[in-house]
Amino acid sequence: MCRTTSTQYDDDDGDLDTQLTILVHTIEMLESVRDDLFSQLASSQREIHLLEAENEERRDFLDLTRQQLQQEQALNDEITKEIEDLIEENDRLDQLIQKRTPPSSD
């Protein structure tokens, strides 16, 4: 019976060694995967920061463009008002001229 027990322990030791070896390889593989994921995360974070900076530049450009368009619209509104005023003045002057000019007889 001792012999069987001794053989059983040897088999158990062999199984344990195999399991430990598999466990060590699994841990090493998981550590490698973790390192790769951390590397990808760092790369993604750098890319996010670059995209955020680019986005901020575009927002600033859009704000500047919006301000310029608002200024141009204000100028256009002012010019349109001046044109309307000139048309009204022209119409008023035409009416005055018509009142002062005698009808022509042909």
Protein backbone atom coordinates (compact mmCIF):
# COMPACT_ATOMS: atom_id res chain seq x y z
CA MET A 1 0.00 0.00 0.00
CA CYS A 2 2.92 2.29 0.64
CA ARG A 3 4.10 1.71 -2.87
CA THR A 4 0.78 2.78 -4.33
CA THR A 5 0.75 5.84 -2.14
CA SER A 6 4.30 6.72 -3.16
CA THR A 7 3.41 6.34 -6.83
CA GLN A 8 0.27 8.34 -6.28
CA TYR A 9 2.31 11.15 -4.72
CA ASP A 10 4.75 11.03 -7.62
CA ASP A 11 1.83 11.26 -10.05
CA ASP A 12 0.30 14.05 -7.99
CA ASP A 13 3.65 15.88 -7.96
CA GLY A 14 3.87 15.48 -11.74
CA ASP A 15 0.32 16.75 -12.16
CA LEU A 16 1.06 19.62 -9.81
CA ASP A 17 4.25 20.50 -11.71
CA THR A 18 2.31 20.42 -14.98
CA GLN A 19 -0.46 22.56 -13.53
CA LEU A 20 2.05 25.03 -12.10
CA THR A 21 3.86 25.20 -15.44
CA ILE A 22 0.57 25.84 -17.23
CA LEU A 23 -0.35 28.44 -14.60
CA VAL A 24 3.02 30.21 -14.97
CA HIS A 25 2.63 30.27 -18.78
CA THR A 26 -0.92 31.55 -18.42
CA ILE A 27 0.23 34.30 -16.05
CA GLU A 28 3.05 35.27 -18.42
CA MET A 29 0.61 35.36 -21.34
CA LEU A 30 -1.85 37.47 -19.34
CA GLU A 31 0.93 39.86 -18.30
CA SER A 32 1.94 40.19 -21.94
CA VAL A 33 -1.67 40.88 -22.93
CA ARG A 34 -1.95 43.41 -20.10
CA ASP A 35 1.23 45.17 -21.25
CA ASP A 36 -0.10 45.30 -24.82
CA LEU A 37 -3.39 46.72 -23.59
CA PHE A 38 -1.61 49.36 -21.50
CA SER A 39 0.45 50.27 -24.55
CA GLN A 40 -2.68 50.54 -26.69
CA LEU A 41 -4.37 52.59 -23.99
CA ALA A 42 -1.44 55.01 -23.83
CA SER A 43 -1.45 55.31 -27.60
CA SER A 44 -5.19 55.91 -27.63
CA GLN A 45 -4.87 58.56 -24.92
CA ARG A 46 -2.19 60.37 -26.94
CA GLU A 47 -4.43 60.25 -29.99
CA ILE A 48 -7.36 61.55 -27.96
CA HIS A 49 -5.25 64.48 -26.71
CA LEU A 50 -4.18 65.28 -30.28
CA LEU A 51 -7.78 65.12 -31.49
CA GLU A 52 -8.92 67.33 -28.60
CA ALA A 53 -6.26 69.90 -29.49
CA GLU A 54 -7.27 69.77 -33.16
CA ASN A 55 -10.91 70.11 -32.17
CA GLU A 56 -10.10 73.16 -30.04
CA GLU A 57 -8.26 74.75 -32.97
CA ARG A 58 -11.26 74.14 -35.20
CA ARG A 59 -13.61 75.63 -32.61
CA ASP A 60 -11.42 78.72 -32.38
CA PHE A 61 -11.40 78.99 -36.19
CA LEU A 62 -15.19 78.60 -36.30
CA ASP A 63 -15.62 81.26 -33.61
CA LEU A 64 -13.42 83.64 -35.57
CA THR A 65 -15.29 82.86 -38.79
CA ARG A 66 -18.63 83.42 -37.03
CA GLN A 67 -17.45 86.80 -35.74
CA GLN A 68 -16.27 87.79 -39.20
CA LEU A 69 -19.58 86.73 -40.73
CA GLN A 70 -21.49 88.71 -38.10
CA GLN A 71 -19.39 91.79 -38.87
CA GLU A 72 -19.92 91.31 -42.60
CA GLN A 73 -23.67 90.86 -42.05
CA ALA A 74 -23.78 94.06 -40.00
CA LEU A 75 -21.92 95.88 -42.79
CA ASN A 76 -24.28 94.39 -45.40
CA ASP A 77 -27.28 95.50 -43.34
CA GLU A 78 -25.83 99.01 -43.10
CA ILE A 79 -25.17 99.16 -46.86
CA THR A 80 -28.68 97.82 -47.59
CA LYS A 81 -30.18 100.53 -45.35
CA GLU A 82 -28.13 103.21 -47.12
CA ILE A 83 -29.28 101.91 -50.52
CA GLU A 84 -32.91 101.91 -49.36
CA ASP A 85 -32.48 105.47 -48.05
CA LEU A 86 -30.95 106.54 -51.39
CA ILE A 87 -33.81 104.94 -53.32
CA GLU A 88 -36.34 106.76 -51.14
CA GLU A 89 -34.44 110.03 -51.60
CA ASN A 90 -34.27 109.43 -55.36
CA ASP A 91 -38.02 108.74 -55.50
CA ARG A 92 -38.71 111.91 -53.50
CA LEU A 93 -36.49 113.95 -55.81
CA ASP A 94 -38.18 112.45 -58.88
CA GLN A 95 -41.56 113.51 -57.50
CA LEU A 96 -40.28 117.03 -56.86
CA ILE A 97 -38.89 117.24 -60.39
CA GLN A 98 -42.18 116.05 -61.85
CA LYS A 99 -44.10 118.70 -59.89
CA ARG A 100 -41.80 121.50 -61.08
CA THR A 101 -41.51 120.42 -64.67
CA PRO A 102 -44.40 121.57 -66.82
CA PRO A 103 -45.91 118.95 -69.04
CA SER A 104 -44.47 119.08 -72.49
CA SER A 105 -46.79 119.73 -75.36
CA ASP A 106 -46.02 118.05 -78.59
